[in-house]
Amino acid sequence: MHIDFSTLTPYQRYKLMASLIVPRPIALVTTLSDTGVVNAAPFSMFNMVGEDPPLVMLSVNHHNSQGRLKDTAANILSRREFVVHLCDEAVAEAMHRCATEAPADVSELDLTGCRRSACDELEAPALQPLPATRYVIGRCKGVKVNIDYHVEFEGDYNSVPHRLVGTRLDVRATDTLVVCFAANQRVVCHPLSLRRGAHTTLGEHMLASHRAHLEWTPSKRIVWAQGIGVSAAAVVSWQIEKRPHPEQGYRACLGLMRLAREYTSQRQEDACTRALAIRAPTYRSVDNILKNGLDSQPSHLLVTSSPLLDHENVRGTDYYH
């Protein structure tokens, strides 16, 4: 279809373009005159044209039916600013009534009984000042309490009462605090540690027996493991020396002590030997070996001694003396 715009009246051109170029929002534009009068007028020739920088397009006819510059155009040219309101159906009728040619010293908002008058007269006087401190934004997460009665949040470990082991908690963290909730009731609040992997433990959250273990020195833990065997002592020593945080080593030692109540010393020693052979001397590795009965199976990874080859290129220990 070919349409010759030169044969159409301005009104016909407007109706045609407004009907074909859709979707297109209608902007209720408010401007302020030099005398302080708020002008409001709807414009269908409006849209966005860019986001960086954010730009909108507004088309305003230069003159009204009286031959003078439209109030919206005059105010924009004078003050270099305007406000765009995107209206919903609830205020559509009031927006349409703003499309009237009111005198320059009369605000269309006052003529139509727009929402602004209710805001100025009723709501604005009732507004209270903002709080003295900013609202603290928190990050939330659902967690399960570990067997060592700690919960993890973004690499930070914090203790909760031992009776909550195995239950689900809600954790809310800010830049300074970690708060734990059980059934919408706050159970504990910890300062947020800045060290990833750090543990914060309160004594009152622990069982009495665990508090006693916590008082054990590293040497005392190693002596306990030596009572099981050389490999068990090596695993405990690795936990104490290699872990970045002492609390992590304590958790592993606590787990190994629990295993000692479930398995014989010989099985635990064999499991530790296998864990050392596969270079995984961790509590989880020892626990998995015992659960799957791998401690009773020979390991091809275990190093066995073999005589040195008798060859002229093998120098031997005497060469270095």
Protein backbone atom coordinates (compact mmCIF):
# COMPACT_ATOMS: atom_id res chain seq x y z
CA MET A 1 0.00 0.00 0.00
CA HIS A 2 1.31 3.42 -0.97
CA ILE A 3 0.12 6.44 0.98
CA ASP A 4 0.80 9.93 -0.29
CA PHE A 5 1.26 12.05 2.83
CA SER A 6 0.98 15.24 0.80
CA THR A 7 -2.71 14.48 0.25
CA LEU A 8 -3.46 14.10 3.99
CA THR A 9 -4.30 16.78 6.51
CA PRO A 10 -2.04 17.14 9.58
CA TYR A 11 -4.68 15.45 11.71
CA GLN A 12 -4.96 12.53 9.26
CA ARG A 13 -1.18 12.13 9.20
CA TYR A 14 -1.13 12.09 13.01
CA LYS A 15 -3.89 9.48 13.28
CA LEU A 16 -2.23 7.27 10.68
CA MET A 17 1.21 7.35 12.27
CA ALA A 18 -0.16 6.97 15.81
CA SER A 19 -2.11 3.89 14.72
CA LEU A 20 0.68 2.17 12.76
CA ILE A 21 3.76 2.86 14.87
CA VAL A 22 3.03 0.77 17.95
CA PRO A 23 3.63 -0.06 20.74
CA ARG A 24 4.33 3.49 21.77
CA PRO A 25 3.84 4.89 25.30
CA ILE A 26 2.07 8.16 25.97
CA ALA A 27 4.05 10.61 28.08
CA LEU A 28 2.45 12.98 30.52
CA VAL A 29 5.01 15.78 30.55
CA THR A 30 5.18 18.34 33.34
CA THR A 31 7.23 21.52 33.14
CA LEU A 32 7.65 24.54 35.36
CA SER A 33 7.15 28.08 34.09
CA ASP A 34 9.27 31.07 35.10
CA THR A 35 6.48 32.12 37.46
CA GLY A 36 6.34 28.73 39.18
CA VAL A 37 3.20 27.32 37.51
CA VAL A 38 3.27 23.57 36.79
CA ASN A 39 2.16 22.80 33.26
CA ALA A 40 0.99 19.27 32.33
CA ALA A 41 0.25 17.91 28.85
CA PRO A 42 0.11 14.42 27.27
CA PHE A 43 2.22 13.62 24.20
CA SER A 44 1.86 10.53 22.03
CA MET A 45 4.99 11.34 20.02
CA PHE A 46 7.34 10.04 22.70
CA ASN A 47 9.84 7.21 22.95
CA MET A 48 13.32 6.21 24.11
CA VAL A 49 16.21 6.57 21.66
CA GLY A 50 19.25 5.48 23.69
CA GLU A 51 20.49 4.13 27.01
CA ASP A 52 24.12 5.34 27.32
CA PRO A 53 23.56 8.18 27.87
CA PRO A 54 19.85 7.68 28.57
CA LEU A 55 17.91 9.67 25.97
CA VAL A 56 14.22 10.14 25.28
CA MET A 57 12.52 11.78 22.32
CA LEU A 58 9.57 14.16 22.66
CA SER A 59 7.85 15.94 19.77
CA VAL A 60 5.99 19.17 20.66
CA ASN A 61 4.13 21.28 18.15
CA HIS A 62 5.50 24.80 18.24
CA HIS A 63 2.23 26.72 18.46
CA ASN A 64 -1.23 26.14 19.81
CA SER A 65 -4.51 27.13 18.21
CA GLN A 66 -4.11 30.65 19.54
CA GLY A 67 -0.85 31.11 17.63
CA ARG A 68 1.40 31.30 20.71
CA LEU A 69 4.20 28.92 21.67
CA LYS A 70 2.90 25.92 23.56
CA ASP A 71 3.49 26.15 27.31
CA THR A 72 5.43 22.86 27.34
CA ALA A 73 7.79 24.07 24.60
CA ALA A 74 8.19 27.53 26.17
CA ASN A 75 9.01 26.08 29.61
CA ILE A 76 11.52 23.56 28.22
CA LEU A 77 13.29 26.24 26.20
CA SER A 78 13.40 28.50 29.25
CA ARG A 79 14.39 26.04 31.98
CA ARG A 80 16.04 23.28 29.89
CA GLU A 81 14.25 20.52 31.82
CA PHE A 82 11.04 18.51 31.89
CA VAL A 83 9.62 15.45 33.69
CA VAL A 84 8.06 12.46 31.91
CA HIS A 85 5.33 10.49 33.73
CA LEU A 86 4.21 7.12 32.36
CA CYS A 87 0.58 6.75 33.37
CA ASP A 88 -1.44 3.62 33.97
CA GLU A 89 -5.12 3.03 33.33
CA ALA A 90 -6.15 4.39 36.71
CA VAL A 91 -5.07 7.93 35.79
CA ALA A 92 -5.71 7.72 32.05
CA GLU A 93 -8.84 9.91 32.22
CA ALA A 94 -7.09 12.62 34.22
CA MET A 95 -4.20 12.52 31.74
CA HIS A 96 -6.60 13.07 28.84
CA ARG A 97 -8.17 16.08 30.60
CA CYS A 98 -4.72 17.66 30.77
CA ALA A 99 -4.84 18.00 26.96
CA THR A 100 -6.58 21.34 27.25
CA GLU A 101 -5.42 24.81 26.29
CA ALA A 102 -5.42 26.42 29.71
CA PRO A 103 -4.03 29.92 30.25
CA ALA A 104 -0.29 30.05 30.93
CA ASP A 105 -0.86 31.03 34.57
CA VAL A 106 -3.17 28.06 35.26
CA SER A 107 -1.90 24.56 36.03
CA GLU A 108 -3.66 21.66 34.28
CA LEU A 109 -3.05 19.57 37.39
CA ASP A 110 -5.31 21.86 39.39
CA LEU A 111 -8.01 21.79 36.70
CA THR A 112 -8.14 18.00 36.55
CA GLY A 113 -7.83 17.29 40.27
CA CYS A 114 -4.73 15.25 39.65
CA ARG A 115 -3.03 13.09 42.23
CA ARG A 116 -0.43 15.77 42.87
CA SER A 117 -2.94 17.93 44.76
CA ALA A 118 -3.73 15.06 47.16
CA CYS A 119 -0.03 14.48 47.64
CA ASP A 120 0.68 18.12 48.43
CA GLU A 121 -2.30 18.60 50.74
CA LEU A 122 -2.54 15.25 52.55
CA GLU A 123 0.51 13.06 52.16
CA ALA A 124 3.48 15.42 52.07
CA PRO A 125 2.70 16.98 55.49
CA ALA A 126 2.47 13.48 56.99
CA LEU A 127 5.89 12.38 55.74
CA GLN A 128 8.48 11.69 58.43
CA PRO A 129 12.20 12.41 58.08
CA LEU A 130 14.45 9.58 56.96
CA PRO A 131 16.12 7.48 59.70
CA ALA A 132 19.41 8.79 61.01
CA THR A 133 21.15 5.58 59.91
CA ARG A 134 20.89 3.88 56.54
CA TYR A 135 18.90 0.66 56.18
CA VAL A 136 21.25 -2.30 56.40
CA ILE A 137 20.95 -4.65 53.43
CA GLY A 138 21.48 -8.31 54.31
CA ARG A 139 22.22 -11.45 52.30
CA CYS A 140 20.15 -14.51 53.19
CA LYS A 141 20.73 -18.24 52.80
CA GLY A 142 19.19 -21.47 54.07
CA VAL A 143 21.78 -23.82 55.61
CA LYS A 144 21.98 -27.15 57.42
CA VAL A 145 23.85 -27.37 60.72
CA ASN A 146 26.92 -29.59 60.36
CA ILE A 147 27.77 -32.37 62.81
CA ASP A 148 30.29 -30.04 64.44
CA TYR A 149 27.38 -27.57 65.11
CA HIS A 150 28.76 -24.96 62.70
CA VAL A 151 27.02 -23.38 59.72
CA GLU A 152 28.80 -22.12 56.65
CA PHE A 153 28.00 -18.81 54.96
CA GLU A 154 30.23 -17.58 52.11
CA GLY A 155 33.26 -19.38 53.52
CA ASP A 156 32.68 -18.18 57.10
CA TYR A 157 31.94 -20.85 59.75
CA ASN A 158 29.99 -19.98 62.89
CA SER A 159 28.76 -22.13 65.76
CA VAL A 160 25.15 -22.61 66.87
CA PRO A 161 23.78 -24.54 69.88
CA HIS A 162 24.62 -28.25 69.61
CA ARG A 163 20.95 -29.23 69.90
CA LEU A 164 20.41 -27.80 66.38
CA VAL A 165 22.75 -30.29 64.65
CA GLY A 166 21.11 -31.56 61.46
CA THR A 167 18.36 -28.93 61.39
CA ARG A 168 17.78 -26.24 58.76
CA LEU A 169 18.47 -22.62 59.70
CA ASP A 170 18.09 -19.27 57.96
CA VAL A 171 21.23 -17.15 57.97
CA ARG A 172 21.26 -13.41 57.34
CA ALA A 173 24.60 -11.68 56.90
CA THR A 174 25.52 -8.02 56.63
CA ASP A 175 28.93 -6.47 56.18
CA THR A 176 29.57 -6.85 59.91
CA LEU A 177 27.28 -9.54 61.38
CA VAL A 178 26.07 -13.09 60.76
CA VAL A 179 22.68 -13.84 62.37
CA CYS A 180 21.16 -17.35 62.53
CA PHE A 181 17.41 -17.98 62.83
CA ALA A 182 15.57 -21.19 63.72
CA ALA A 183 11.81 -21.18 63.09
CA ASN A 184 11.97 -17.37 62.67
CA GLN A 185 13.60 -17.00 66.11
CA ARG A 186 17.11 -15.60 66.40
CA VAL A 187 19.41 -18.13 68.06
CA VAL A 188 22.84 -16.52 67.74
CA CYS A 189 24.64 -13.52 66.29
CA HIS A 190 28.34 -13.59 65.34
CA PRO A 191 30.66 -10.88 64.00
CA LEU A 192 31.47 -11.54 60.35
CA SER A 193 35.05 -12.70 59.94
CA LEU A 194 37.11 -11.20 57.13
CA ARG A 195 39.22 -14.38 56.85
CA ARG A 196 37.82 -16.93 54.45
CA GLY A 197 37.55 -20.33 56.11
CA ALA A 198 37.71 -18.86 59.61
CA HIS A 199 35.72 -20.46 62.45
CA THR A 200 33.93 -18.65 65.25
CA THR A 201 32.97 -20.98 68.09
CA LEU A 202 31.22 -20.18 71.37
CA GLY A 203 31.90 -22.51 74.28
CA GLU A 204 28.28 -22.58 75.39
CA HIS A 205 27.32 -24.12 72.05
CA MET A 206 29.49 -27.19 72.64
CA LEU A 207 28.85 -30.41 74.47
CA ALA A 208 30.78 -30.79 77.70
CA SER A 209 32.88 -33.57 76.19
CA HIS A 210 33.70 -31.40 73.19
CA ARG A 211 34.74 -28.54 75.43
CA ALA A 212 37.15 -30.93 77.08
CA HIS A 213 38.57 -31.91 73.69
CA LEU A 214 38.92 -28.26 72.76
CA GLU A 215 41.26 -27.84 75.72
CA TRP A 216 43.55 -30.51 74.31
CA THR A 217 46.86 -29.16 73.05
CA PRO A 218 48.13 -30.26 69.62
CA SER A 219 50.74 -32.48 71.29
CA LYS A 220 48.04 -34.16 73.37
CA ARG A 221 46.04 -34.94 70.23
CA ILE A 222 49.09 -36.48 68.60
CA VAL A 223 49.75 -38.60 71.69
CA TRP A 224 46.14 -39.82 71.52
CA ALA A 225 46.60 -40.77 67.85
CA GLN A 226 49.88 -42.58 68.64
CA GLY A 227 47.82 -44.88 70.84
CA ILE A 228 46.15 -46.06 67.61
CA GLY A 229 49.24 -46.24 65.44
CA VAL A 230 51.95 -44.44 63.52
CA SER A 231 49.72 -43.68 60.52
CA ALA A 232 46.94 -42.25 62.70
CA ALA A 233 49.48 -39.98 64.39
CA ALA A 234 50.72 -38.85 60.95
CA VAL A 235 47.17 -38.00 59.85
CA VAL A 236 46.53 -35.97 63.02
CA SER A 237 49.88 -34.19 62.65
CA TRP A 238 48.97 -33.30 59.06
CA GLN A 239 45.66 -31.81 60.23
CA ILE A 240 47.42 -29.65 62.81
CA GLU A 241 50.27 -28.49 60.59
CA LYS A 242 48.72 -28.15 57.13
CA ARG A 243 45.30 -26.66 57.79
CA PRO A 244 45.16 -22.85 57.21
CA HIS A 245 43.05 -22.40 60.34
CA PRO A 246 43.42 -24.31 63.66
CA GLU A 247 39.65 -24.78 63.88
CA GLN A 248 39.68 -26.84 60.68
CA GLY A 249 42.27 -29.18 62.19
CA TYR A 250 40.19 -29.43 65.34
CA ARG A 251 37.12 -30.44 63.33
CA ALA A 252 39.07 -33.21 61.60
CA CYS A 253 40.54 -34.49 64.87
CA LEU A 254 37.09 -34.48 66.43
CA GLY A 255 35.86 -36.59 63.54
CA LEU A 256 38.73 -39.06 63.89
CA MET A 257 37.94 -39.42 67.60
CA ARG A 258 34.36 -40.21 66.71
CA LEU A 259 35.54 -42.90 64.29
CA ALA A 260 37.54 -44.48 67.13
CA ARG A 261 34.22 -45.21 68.86
CA GLU A 262 32.84 -46.99 65.78
CA TYR A 263 35.85 -48.95 64.47
CA THR A 264 38.70 -50.90 66.00
CA SER A 265 42.11 -49.30 66.37
CA GLN A 266 43.57 -51.67 63.78
CA ARG A 267 40.96 -50.76 61.15
CA GLN A 268 41.44 -47.05 61.82
CA GLU A 269 45.22 -47.42 61.59
CA ASP A 270 44.92 -49.33 58.27
CA ALA A 271 42.55 -46.67 56.93
CA CYS A 272 45.00 -43.90 57.88
CA THR A 273 47.80 -45.84 56.18
CA ARG A 274 45.78 -46.03 52.98
CA ALA A 275 44.83 -42.34 53.20
CA LEU A 276 48.50 -41.41 53.50
CA ALA A 277 49.35 -43.63 50.52
CA ILE A 278 46.84 -41.84 48.29
CA ARG A 279 47.98 -38.46 49.65
CA ALA A 280 44.59 -37.65 51.15
CA PRO A 281 45.15 -37.66 54.93
CA THR A 282 41.80 -36.03 55.68
CA TYR A 283 38.95 -37.06 57.93
CA ARG A 284 36.61 -37.45 54.96
CA SER A 285 39.07 -39.76 53.20
CA VAL A 286 39.58 -41.94 56.29
CA ASP A 287 35.83 -42.07 56.88
CA ASN A 288 35.11 -43.14 53.27
CA ILE A 289 37.82 -45.82 53.41
CA LEU A 290 36.28 -47.32 56.54
CA LYS A 291 32.71 -47.12 55.23
CA ASN A 292 33.63 -48.94 52.02
CA GLY A 293 35.89 -51.51 53.71
CA LEU A 294 38.93 -50.42 51.71
CA ASP A 295 41.13 -50.65 54.79
CA SER A 296 41.10 -54.46 54.50
CA GLN A 297 42.14 -54.44 50.83
CA PRO A 298 45.77 -54.32 49.69
CA SER A 299 46.72 -51.12 47.93
CA HIS A 300 48.95 -51.05 44.89
CA LEU A 301 49.79 -47.50 45.91
CA LEU A 302 51.59 -48.59 49.06
CA VAL A 303 55.34 -48.25 48.62
CA THR A 304 57.26 -51.47 49.06
CA SER A 305 61.01 -51.61 49.46
CA SER A 306 63.03 -53.14 46.62
CA PRO A 307 66.77 -53.61 46.21
CA LEU A 308 68.71 -51.11 44.12
CA LEU A 309 69.76 -52.17 40.66
CA ASP A 310 73.40 -53.16 40.34
CA HIS A 311 74.49 -50.98 37.43
CA GLU A 312 77.58 -48.92 36.68
CA ASN A 313 75.47 -45.76 36.29
CA VAL A 314 73.92 -46.14 39.76
CA ARG A 315 76.37 -44.38 42.05
CA GLY A 316 74.99 -45.41 45.42
CA THR A 317 75.37 -43.67 48.80
CA ASP A 318 79.13 -44.24 49.03
CA TYR A 319 79.70 -41.88 46.08
CA TYR A 320 78.74 -38.83 48.20
CA HIS A 321 81.20 -39.52 51.06
